[in-house]
Structure formats: structure tokens, C-alpha cells
């Protein structure tokens, strides 16, 4: 491609390249269009946020870029070069033409099942190829799947793995500040599908706990992404990180059939999003096979069905990094009268209407009375001790904990 003037001159510099307009950004860095000075070709360069980079991370990026570059697969975004020094780190990648799947969902809504199945099977095949090279993605989500002439390509292999583990000094990029965590106001989250909650929305329980990740981590995210493509929703739609963490640890995987999607996809999503890594598909390739079979109307074989086992104890200790100050733990069993509900989570909000404004905040061990009205299975109408009534998530208030 001949050299050309890019639309915007960028004050940042990468040796051997001229940076142009920013193409987008997220929790790990900002992507710019760039011109390679040696041959005039157009590429994309991702500049990682400086506060996320140290020498060890930069070296791991180089190693994983080398491993990924050895994979010959049309569904993987090629990383051509990794560089940087000091607080800088950058990756040179192919410049793609299409939007990411998160943006497409915003503009076009959920996809037809056959389209979603084809895309996710292709993505899973690409993920499996990179797994075989010894690289785990660790941050699969719609925003990291880019369409190029209609074909999906997976990007950001190895870039975000270290960054998405919630550590006591963790650094999550929640654009606009963290006020939405305290207020529960979803309007403060800029992108309902692929934005600020995008990373944590597709993280399995072991990743929230800070455990080591594996191929099973990516399989979980593949299942969550399939659910999103089919329904246009995140796997667990919650308005704060405590609510989301509790749902990931306790609540069964969402069912696409609840949103008028063929029921054959329920078992595929359910198995991929099993709480225990050993209960998921053994490989991304096995997930791809199951998705293709579901698109043909075939059900999972009985031996591969999701185990309907609830965890006895589920802990999520990932929230200290955000100043929330508590893990979400199940409390010991206690009996209760039938219309008496106990708060089983550390905190539970009561809202004026389902998904509405918070009118009260309850704490673990508090009691409310249940009323007859329910909004599906997600919300229960409750009466507070002071006589006020509102709605609370059934995940959080139960007859017994």
C-alpha cells in the first residue's frame, strides 16, 4: 500500500512508524492507525497504558507475540512486532476494516442463531489453535472479536491476561470513574455490551478469585460471548460489581431460550459456563463442534450435558481492589418462616421497580417479608421492616441461605 498522509497527526511516537488517528481504546490501551515508514503500509499499533507496564510484562508480551505469530490461522489477528522501553509498550498488528462484535451488537442487535453459531465456531477454532501454541487469551469478549470482510478475527491474545486479575492493587479502567459502583446507576457505564463492564462480564469464577487461568477460562468466555451474540445481553446483567460477582459465583448459567433462542443452545452455553473448569468443554474445539451441532438442531449427548450441581460454598474475593471491602460468601443455613426472606449476600439493594432506583440497602442477615408479586424469576417484591415496599434480586434474598 503506498504511503499516505493519515487523517490526524499524533504527538506520540513509535520508532519506524508514524501514528495517526486513534481507532479506539479500552482497559489495556489505545489503538492507533499508523504508517510503517519502511514500506508505507498501513498497520494498527496498540499503545498499552503506561501504568500497566513493567519490564516483566513487556518481556512476556514479546514471548507470547512470538508464540502467537507462529500460529497459521485466518481467525487470529497477526501481531508483527512488540516493543517499548521505560513505561512504554506497544504492539504492531494488522489494520482491519470492520467493527468489533460489541459495536455491531450495539447497532444491529442480537444475531440470528445460525449467524451467531457460525461466528462463534470460527472464533473457537482460532482460540483452540492458539491454545495449542501455549497461549491463553484471558480476556475474550465481543469487543476483542473484529470482523474483517465478514470473517471474525480474535485480537489481544496475551495482552490483557495479567491486567484482568483483580488484585489488591488492581487497575480496572472504569471510564468515568467508579461512582457507578457506589450508586448502582447503569447510566454511568458507557457501553452496555462491550465497554467498561466488558472484561469482568465474561470472567469465570476462578478468574474473579485470582486463581490461575487455563484454556477452560477461555471456554467460559466463549460461552458467555455466544450468549451475548444470541440475545444482545451480557451473561449476567447486574448494576454493580458485588451483584455481578455474586451472580457469577452462584447463579446458574443464563439460558438463551429465555430470549426466544432455540433451546438447543441452552446446554451449550450452560456447559461452557459451568462454575467448575473441569465441567466445561475440554477444549475450544469441542465447544466449536457443539455450537455447530446446535445450529443443526442437535442436542448435546447425555454424557456431555451440564451437571446441575449447585456449589455448596462459592467465594469471590475479587472486590478488594475496588474498595468494596468484603467478599461475597454464603452464610450458614438457618430456618425461616415461609414469608420471611433473609439477605444472603453481603449487600442487597431494594429498588422502587425492577432495575429501578435504589430506595434501601440491606446487609447480610437482614430480614424482609416477601409479597406475592414477582417479575419473572429475577426479582421479588418485598416489604421492609419500616413498611416500605420495593423489589430485590431473588439471588440475594432467600428463605434460607
Protein backbone atom coordinates (compact mmCIF):
# COMPACT_ATOMS: atom_id res chain seq x y z
CA UNK A 1 0.00 0.00 0.00
CA UNK A 2 1.53 3.38 -0.90
CA UNK A 3 2.47 5.86 1.76
CA UNK A 4 -0.19 8.41 2.50
CA UNK A 5 -0.94 11.17 4.98
CA UNK A 6 -3.01 9.90 7.87
CA UNK A 7 -6.03 11.88 9.00
CA UNK A 8 -4.62 13.03 12.31
CA UNK A 9 -1.08 13.79 13.36
CA UNK A 10 -0.27 12.12 16.68
CA UNK A 11 2.25 13.56 19.14
CA UNK A 12 3.14 10.07 20.39
CA UNK A 13 5.89 8.21 18.61
CA UNK A 14 6.86 4.62 17.87
CA UNK A 15 10.22 4.08 16.16
CA UNK A 16 9.76 3.26 12.50
CA UNK A 17 6.11 4.31 12.37
CA UNK A 18 4.04 7.45 12.03
CA UNK A 19 0.96 7.36 14.23
CA UNK A 20 -2.33 8.75 13.01
CA UNK A 21 -5.86 8.81 14.33
CA UNK A 22 -6.96 6.82 17.36
CA UNK A 23 -9.18 3.92 16.29
CA UNK A 24 -10.41 3.00 19.76
CA UNK A 25 -9.35 2.10 23.25
CA UNK A 26 -10.16 0.19 26.37
CA UNK A 27 -8.86 -1.09 29.69
CA UNK A 28 -5.45 -2.11 28.35
CA UNK A 29 -4.55 0.62 25.87
CA UNK A 30 -5.39 2.72 22.84
CA UNK A 31 -5.19 1.56 19.22
CA UNK A 32 -3.96 3.95 16.53
CA UNK A 33 -3.79 3.78 12.79
CA UNK A 34 -0.15 4.03 11.70
CA UNK A 35 2.07 4.06 8.66
CA UNK A 36 5.15 1.82 8.55
CA UNK A 37 7.88 4.11 7.25
CA UNK A 38 9.93 1.31 5.68
CA UNK A 39 7.31 0.35 3.09
CA UNK A 40 4.40 2.78 3.53
CA UNK A 41 1.96 0.08 4.58
CA UNK A 42 -0.89 0.83 6.98
CA UNK A 43 -0.98 -1.05 10.28
CA UNK A 44 -2.61 -0.71 13.69
CA UNK A 45 -0.50 -0.03 16.78
CA UNK A 46 -1.74 -0.62 20.29
CA UNK A 47 -0.08 1.55 22.94
CA UNK A 48 -0.57 -0.01 26.36
CA UNK A 49 -1.43 2.28 29.25
CA UNK A 50 1.89 3.19 30.94
CA UNK A 51 0.73 2.42 34.48
CA UNK A 52 0.07 -1.17 33.46
CA UNK A 53 3.53 -1.91 32.11
CA UNK A 54 6.65 -3.20 33.77
CA UNK A 55 9.71 -4.96 32.39
CA UNK A 56 8.42 -8.44 33.20
CA UNK A 57 5.11 -7.78 31.47
CA UNK A 58 6.85 -6.36 28.41
CA UNK A 59 9.03 -9.46 28.11
CA UNK A 60 6.02 -11.75 28.44
CA UNK A 61 4.27 -9.80 25.69
CA UNK A 62 7.23 -10.44 23.41
CA UNK A 63 7.24 -14.17 24.20
CA UNK A 64 3.51 -14.55 23.68
CA UNK A 65 3.58 -12.49 20.49
CA UNK A 66 6.25 -14.83 19.14
CA UNK A 67 4.17 -17.88 20.06
CA UNK A 68 1.02 -16.38 18.57
CA UNK A 69 2.80 -15.33 15.39
CA UNK A 70 3.77 -18.96 14.83
CA UNK A 71 0.09 -19.92 14.57
CA UNK A 72 -1.13 -20.02 10.99
CA UNK A 73 -4.84 -19.43 11.32
CA UNK A 74 -7.06 -16.95 9.44
CA UNK A 75 -9.02 -16.15 12.61
CA UNK A 76 -6.13 -14.67 14.61
CA UNK A 77 -5.09 -11.03 14.35
CA UNK A 78 -1.40 -11.13 13.50
CA UNK A 79 1.00 -9.33 15.85
CA UNK A 80 4.05 -8.29 13.84
CA UNK A 81 6.17 -6.55 16.43
CA UNK A 82 6.32 -5.77 20.15
CA UNK A 83 8.47 -3.01 21.54
CA UNK A 84 8.88 -0.26 24.10
CA UNK A 85 11.07 0.83 26.96
CA UNK A 86 10.59 2.56 30.27
CA UNK A 87 6.85 2.85 30.84
CA UNK A 88 6.02 2.33 27.17
CA UNK A 89 4.92 -0.85 25.44
CA UNK A 90 3.32 -1.24 22.05
CA UNK A 91 2.22 -3.89 19.58
CA UNK A 92 2.08 -3.62 15.79
CA UNK A 93 -0.87 -5.52 14.32
CA UNK A 94 -2.83 -5.90 11.12
CA UNK A 95 -5.10 -2.96 10.34
CA UNK A 96 -8.56 -4.45 10.00
CA UNK A 97 -11.53 -2.96 8.20
CA UNK A 98 -14.57 -4.00 10.17
CA UNK A 99 -16.15 -3.24 13.55
CA UNK A 100 -15.80 -5.44 16.59
CA UNK A 101 -18.76 -7.60 17.54
CA UNK A 102 -19.62 -5.40 20.51
CA UNK A 103 -20.13 -2.39 18.24
CA UNK A 104 -22.12 -4.44 15.77
CA UNK A 105 -24.43 -5.63 18.54
CA UNK A 106 -24.99 -2.01 19.54
CA UNK A 107 -26.10 -1.01 16.06
CA UNK A 108 -27.83 -4.18 14.85
CA UNK A 109 -28.95 -6.00 17.99
CA UNK A 110 -28.80 -9.77 18.58
CA UNK A 111 -27.87 -12.05 15.72
CA UNK A 112 -29.79 -14.85 14.07
CA UNK A 113 -28.81 -18.18 15.69
CA UNK A 114 -27.17 -19.56 12.55
CA UNK A 115 -25.08 -16.40 12.13
CA UNK A 116 -24.05 -16.32 15.79
CA UNK A 117 -23.21 -20.03 15.73
CA UNK A 118 -21.05 -19.69 12.64
CA UNK A 119 -19.15 -16.74 14.06
CA UNK A 120 -18.52 -18.38 17.44
CA UNK A 121 -17.47 -21.70 15.93
CA UNK A 122 -14.92 -19.85 13.79
CA UNK A 123 -13.72 -17.90 16.81
CA UNK A 124 -13.42 -21.06 18.91
CA UNK A 125 -11.36 -22.75 16.20
CA UNK A 126 -8.97 -19.79 16.23
CA UNK A 127 -8.78 -19.82 20.03
CA UNK A 128 -8.04 -23.55 20.01
CA UNK A 129 -5.17 -23.06 17.57
CA UNK A 130 -3.54 -20.51 19.84
CA UNK A 131 -4.14 -22.70 22.89
CA UNK A 132 -2.17 -25.40 21.14
CA UNK A 133 0.68 -22.92 20.79
CA UNK A 134 0.67 -22.46 24.55
CA UNK A 135 -1.08 -19.08 24.79
CA UNK A 136 -4.25 -18.33 26.78
CA UNK A 137 -6.25 -15.27 25.81
CA UNK A 138 -7.80 -14.48 29.20
CA UNK A 139 -9.99 -11.59 28.01
CA UNK A 140 -12.32 -12.95 25.33
CA UNK A 141 -15.39 -10.78 24.79
CA UNK A 142 -17.29 -9.28 21.84
CA UNK A 143 -15.04 -6.21 21.79
CA UNK A 144 -11.98 -8.39 21.13
CA UNK A 145 -13.51 -10.09 18.09
CA UNK A 146 -13.13 -7.98 14.97
CA UNK A 147 -14.88 -8.50 11.66
CA UNK A 148 -12.72 -8.27 8.58
CA UNK A 149 -14.71 -8.61 5.36
CA UNK A 150 -17.31 -10.50 7.37
CA UNK A 151 -14.90 -13.02 8.92
CA UNK A 152 -14.21 -12.88 12.67
CA UNK A 153 -10.66 -12.43 13.92
CA UNK A 154 -9.59 -12.65 17.55
CA UNK A 155 -7.31 -9.93 18.83
CA UNK A 156 -5.45 -9.06 22.04
CA UNK A 157 -4.02 -12.52 22.67
CA UNK A 158 -1.81 -12.29 25.73
CA UNK A 159 -2.34 -8.54 26.16
CA UNK A 160 -4.87 -8.47 28.98
CA UNK A 161 -4.20 -11.70 30.88
CA UNK A 162 -2.24 -10.07 33.66
CA UNK A 163 -4.41 -6.99 33.79
CA UNK A 164 -7.82 -8.52 34.41
CA UNK A 165 -6.93 -10.37 37.60
CA UNK A 166 -8.48 -8.30 40.39
CA UNK A 167 -5.57 -7.77 42.78
CA UNK A 168 -5.45 -5.64 45.93
CA UNK A 169 -3.65 -3.05 43.79
CA UNK A 170 -5.58 -3.96 40.66
CA UNK A 171 -6.19 -1.40 37.98
CA UNK A 172 -9.51 -1.66 36.20
CA UNK A 173 -10.26 1.07 33.71
CA UNK A 174 -13.83 2.09 34.50
CA UNK A 175 -14.24 5.10 32.27
CA UNK A 176 -15.95 7.99 34.01
CA UNK A 177 -14.75 6.94 37.45
CA UNK A 178 -16.11 4.39 39.89
CA UNK A 179 -19.18 6.31 41.04
CA UNK A 180 -21.49 3.81 39.33
CA UNK A 181 -20.21 1.09 41.68
CA UNK A 182 -21.45 3.06 44.68
CA UNK A 183 -24.67 4.34 43.16
CA UNK A 184 -25.69 1.35 41.10
CA UNK A 185 -26.57 3.77 38.31
CA UNK A 186 -26.17 1.93 34.98
CA UNK A 187 -26.21 5.22 33.07
CA UNK A 188 -22.63 5.75 34.24
CA UNK A 189 -21.49 2.72 32.27
CA UNK A 190 -20.83 3.99 28.78
CA UNK A 191 -21.17 0.78 26.79
CA UNK A 192 -23.82 -1.82 27.74
CA UNK A 193 -22.27 -4.66 25.76
CA UNK A 194 -18.57 -4.20 25.16
CA UNK A 195 -17.47 -1.27 27.25
CA UNK A 196 -16.38 -0.82 30.83
CA UNK A 197 -18.02 -3.96 32.15
CA UNK A 198 -16.90 -5.91 29.11
CA UNK A 199 -13.90 -7.55 30.71
CA UNK A 200 -15.43 -8.62 34.00
CA UNK A 201 -18.74 -9.67 32.43
CA UNK A 202 -17.09 -12.68 30.75
CA UNK A 203 -14.76 -13.72 33.58
CA UNK A 204 -15.37 -17.15 35.17
CA UNK A 205 -15.45 -17.66 38.94
CA UNK A 206 -11.82 -18.78 39.19
CA UNK A 207 -10.68 -15.59 37.49
CA UNK A 208 -12.63 -13.44 39.94
CA UNK A 209 -10.89 -15.31 42.76
CA UNK A 210 -7.49 -14.55 41.25
CA UNK A 211 -6.73 -18.22 40.56
CA UNK A 212 -4.55 -19.22 37.64
CA UNK A 213 -6.21 -19.21 34.24
CA UNK A 214 -6.27 -22.02 31.69
CA UNK A 215 -7.90 -22.98 28.42
CA UNK A 216 -11.10 -23.53 30.45
CA UNK A 217 -11.10 -19.80 31.23
CA UNK A 218 -11.39 -19.01 27.54
CA UNK A 219 -14.06 -21.70 27.07
CA UNK A 220 -16.20 -19.96 29.71
CA UNK A 221 -15.80 -16.63 27.91
CA UNK A 222 -16.68 -18.27 24.58
CA UNK A 223 -19.94 -19.47 26.11
CA UNK A 224 -20.71 -16.03 27.52
CA UNK A 225 -19.93 -14.38 24.19
CA UNK A 226 -22.20 -16.84 22.36
CA UNK A 227 -24.99 -15.92 24.78
CA UNK A 228 -24.42 -12.23 24.06
CA UNK A 229 -24.49 -12.68 20.29
CA UNK A 230 -27.74 -14.67 20.53
CA UNK A 231 -29.53 -12.33 22.93
CA UNK A 232 -27.84 -8.92 22.78
CA UNK A 233 -27.31 -9.11 26.57
CA UNK A 234 -24.39 -9.76 28.86
CA UNK A 235 -24.49 -13.17 30.57
CA UNK A 236 -25.35 -11.69 33.98
CA UNK A 237 -26.88 -8.24 33.82
CA UNK A 238 -26.21 -6.54 37.12
CA UNK A 239 -25.79 -2.93 38.14
CA UNK A 240 -22.78 -3.21 40.45
CA UNK A 241 -19.70 -5.37 40.82
CA UNK A 242 -20.92 -7.04 44.05
CA UNK A 243 -24.10 -8.11 42.29
CA UNK A 244 -22.17 -9.34 39.27
CA UNK A 245 -19.62 -11.23 41.36
CA UNK A 246 -22.35 -12.95 43.35
CA UNK A 247 -24.17 -13.97 40.16
CA UNK A 248 -21.03 -15.39 38.57
CA UNK A 249 -20.30 -17.44 41.69
CA UNK A 250 -23.82 -18.66 42.50
CA UNK A 251 -26.38 -18.21 39.74
CA UNK A 252 -26.68 -20.91 37.05
CA UNK A 253 -25.60 -20.01 33.53
CA UNK A 254 -28.17 -17.95 31.62
CA UNK A 255 -30.45 -19.69 29.15
CA UNK A 256 -30.67 -18.22 25.63
CA UNK A 257 -34.12 -19.83 25.26
CA UNK A 258 -35.44 -17.29 27.78
CA UNK A 259 -34.98 -14.76 24.95
CA UNK A 260 -36.68 -16.77 22.18
CA UNK A 261 -33.50 -18.52 21.05
CA UNK A 262 -33.74 -22.24 20.15
CA UNK A 263 -33.44 -24.35 23.30
CA UNK A 264 -30.59 -26.46 21.88
CA UNK A 265 -28.23 -23.58 22.70
CA UNK A 266 -29.05 -23.73 26.42
CA UNK A 267 -26.90 -26.78 27.09
CA UNK A 268 -24.01 -25.43 25.02
CA UNK A 269 -23.92 -22.13 26.92
CA UNK A 270 -24.57 -23.93 30.21
CA UNK A 271 -21.71 -26.38 29.81
CA UNK A 272 -19.26 -23.73 28.59
CA UNK A 273 -20.16 -21.52 31.56
CA UNK A 274 -20.03 -24.20 34.24
CA UNK A 275 -18.79 -22.92 37.59
CA UNK A 276 -16.04 -25.55 37.76
CA UNK A 277 -13.44 -25.58 34.95
CA UNK A 278 -13.48 -29.40 34.82
CA UNK A 279 -17.20 -29.37 33.92
CA UNK A 280 -16.71 -27.23 30.79
CA UNK A 281 -15.91 -28.39 27.29
CA UNK A 282 -12.42 -29.90 27.37
CA UNK A 283 -11.18 -27.72 24.52
CA UNK A 284 -12.27 -24.71 22.49
CA UNK A 285 -12.51 -27.09 19.50
CA UNK A 286 -15.04 -29.22 21.39
CA UNK A 287 -17.05 -26.07 22.06
CA UNK A 288 -16.94 -25.25 18.33
CA UNK A 289 -18.24 -28.73 17.47
CA UNK A 290 -21.11 -28.35 19.94
CA UNK A 291 -22.06 -24.93 18.57
CA UNK A 292 -22.16 -26.25 15.00
CA UNK A 293 -24.28 -29.20 16.14
CA UNK A 294 -26.70 -26.87 17.94
CA UNK A 295 -27.06 -24.79 14.77
CA UNK A 296 -28.21 -28.01 13.06
CA UNK A 297 -30.72 -28.60 15.84
CA UNK A 298 -28.75 -31.39 17.53
CA UNK A 299 -28.65 -31.65 21.32
CA UNK A 300 -25.61 -32.38 23.43
CA UNK A 301 -25.01 -36.06 24.05
CA UNK A 302 -26.17 -37.09 27.58
CA UNK A 303 -22.60 -37.65 28.79
CA UNK A 304 -21.75 -34.04 27.88
CA UNK A 305 -24.76 -32.33 29.40
CA UNK A 306 -24.32 -29.69 32.02
CA UNK A 307 -24.21 -31.02 35.55
CA UNK A 308 -27.00 -29.44 37.51
CA UNK A 309 -24.96 -29.18 40.69
CA UNK A 310 -25.02 -26.09 42.88
CA UNK A 311 -21.80 -25.24 44.65
CA UNK A 312 -22.04 -25.64 48.42
CA UNK A 313 -19.67 -22.76 49.01
CA UNK A 314 -18.78 -20.09 46.48
CA UNK A 315 -16.45 -17.24 47.36
CA UNK A 316 -15.50 -14.20 45.37
CA UNK A 317 -12.61 -12.22 46.83
CA UNK A 318 -12.01 -10.04 43.81
CA UNK A 319 -13.60 -6.85 45.07
CA UNK A 320 -10.94 -5.57 47.49
CA UNK A 321 -9.18 -3.81 44.62
CA UNK A 322 -12.21 -1.58 44.16
CA UNK A 323 -12.53 -0.63 47.81
CA UNK A 324 -15.67 -2.66 48.39
CA UNK A 325 -14.13 -4.19 51.48
CA UNK A 326 -15.84 -7.62 51.52
CA UNK A 327 -16.03 -10.93 49.75
CA UNK A 328 -19.35 -12.46 48.84
CA UNK A 329 -19.80 -15.61 50.89
CA UNK A 330 -22.70 -17.91 51.51
CA UNK A 331 -23.75 -17.76 55.16
CA UNK A 332 -24.61 -20.82 57.26
CA UNK A 333 -28.00 -22.39 56.80
CA UNK A 334 -30.79 -21.19 59.06
CA UNK A 335 -34.50 -21.88 59.01
CA UNK A 336 -37.07 -19.15 58.37
CA UNK A 337 -40.81 -18.82 58.23
CA UNK A 338 -42.18 -19.14 54.66
CA UNK A 339 -42.82 -15.41 54.09
CA UNK A 340 -39.60 -14.30 55.75
CA UNK A 341 -36.62 -13.68 53.49
CA UNK A 342 -33.02 -13.37 54.65
CA UNK A 343 -30.31 -11.37 52.91
CA UNK A 344 -27.70 -13.95 51.88
CA UNK A 345 -25.23 -11.61 50.18
CA UNK A 346 -23.04 -9.05 51.88
CA UNK A 347 -25.21 -6.26 50.46
CA UNK A 348 -28.54 -6.24 48.65
CA UNK A 349 -30.34 -3.23 47.25
CA UNK A 350 -34.09 -2.70 47.27
CA UNK A 351 -35.36 -0.77 44.25
CA UNK A 352 -38.58 1.10 43.56
CA UNK A 353 -39.20 -1.07 40.48
CA UNK A 354 -37.16 -3.91 38.94
CA UNK A 355 -33.94 -2.38 37.53
CA UNK A 356 -35.06 0.96 39.05
CA UNK A 357 -33.61 3.32 41.64
CA UNK A 358 -32.29 2.10 44.97
CA UNK A 359 -34.54 3.01 47.91
CA UNK A 360 -32.79 0.97 50.60
CA UNK A 361 -29.61 -1.02 51.17
CA UNK A 362 -29.76 -4.27 53.12
CA UNK A 363 -26.92 -6.22 54.68
CA UNK A 364 -26.27 -9.90 55.22
CA UNK A 365 -28.60 -11.34 57.85
CA UNK A 366 -31.27 -8.63 57.49
CA UNK A 367 -34.87 -9.77 57.04
CA UNK A 368 -37.69 -8.66 54.76
CA UNK A 369 -41.14 -10.05 54.07
CA UNK A 370 -41.93 -11.44 50.64
CA UNK A 371 -45.04 -10.29 48.80
CA UNK A 372 -46.85 -12.29 46.13
CA UNK A 373 -45.81 -10.23 43.13
CA UNK A 374 -42.75 -11.36 41.16
CA UNK A 375 -41.12 -10.14 37.99
CA UNK A 376 -40.16 -13.46 36.42
CA UNK A 377 -37.52 -15.33 38.39
CA UNK A 378 -35.11 -12.44 38.82
CA UNK A 379 -36.90 -10.02 41.16
CA UNK A 380 -39.14 -10.45 44.20
CA UNK A 381 -41.47 -7.86 45.71
CA UNK A 382 -40.54 -7.33 49.36
CA UNK A 383 -41.69 -5.37 52.38
CA UNK A 384 -39.10 -3.69 54.58
CA UNK A 385 -39.35 -3.61 58.39
CA UNK A 386 -40.25 0.09 58.21
CA UNK A 387 -43.24 -0.69 56.00
CA UNK A 388 -41.81 0.43 52.65
CA UNK A 389 -42.09 -1.93 49.71
CA UNK A 390 -39.73 -2.48 46.80
CA UNK A 391 -38.01 -5.04 44.64
CA UNK A 392 -34.88 -7.08 45.31
CA UNK A 393 -32.97 -9.69 43.32
CA UNK A 394 -34.01 -13.23 44.22
CA UNK A 395 -30.30 -14.18 44.05
CA UNK A 396 -29.71 -12.08 47.14
CA UNK A 397 -32.76 -12.61 49.42
CA UNK A 398 -33.92 -16.15 50.11
CA UNK A 399 -35.95 -18.24 52.51
CA UNK A 400 -32.71 -19.88 53.57
CA UNK A 401 -29.05 -19.22 52.82
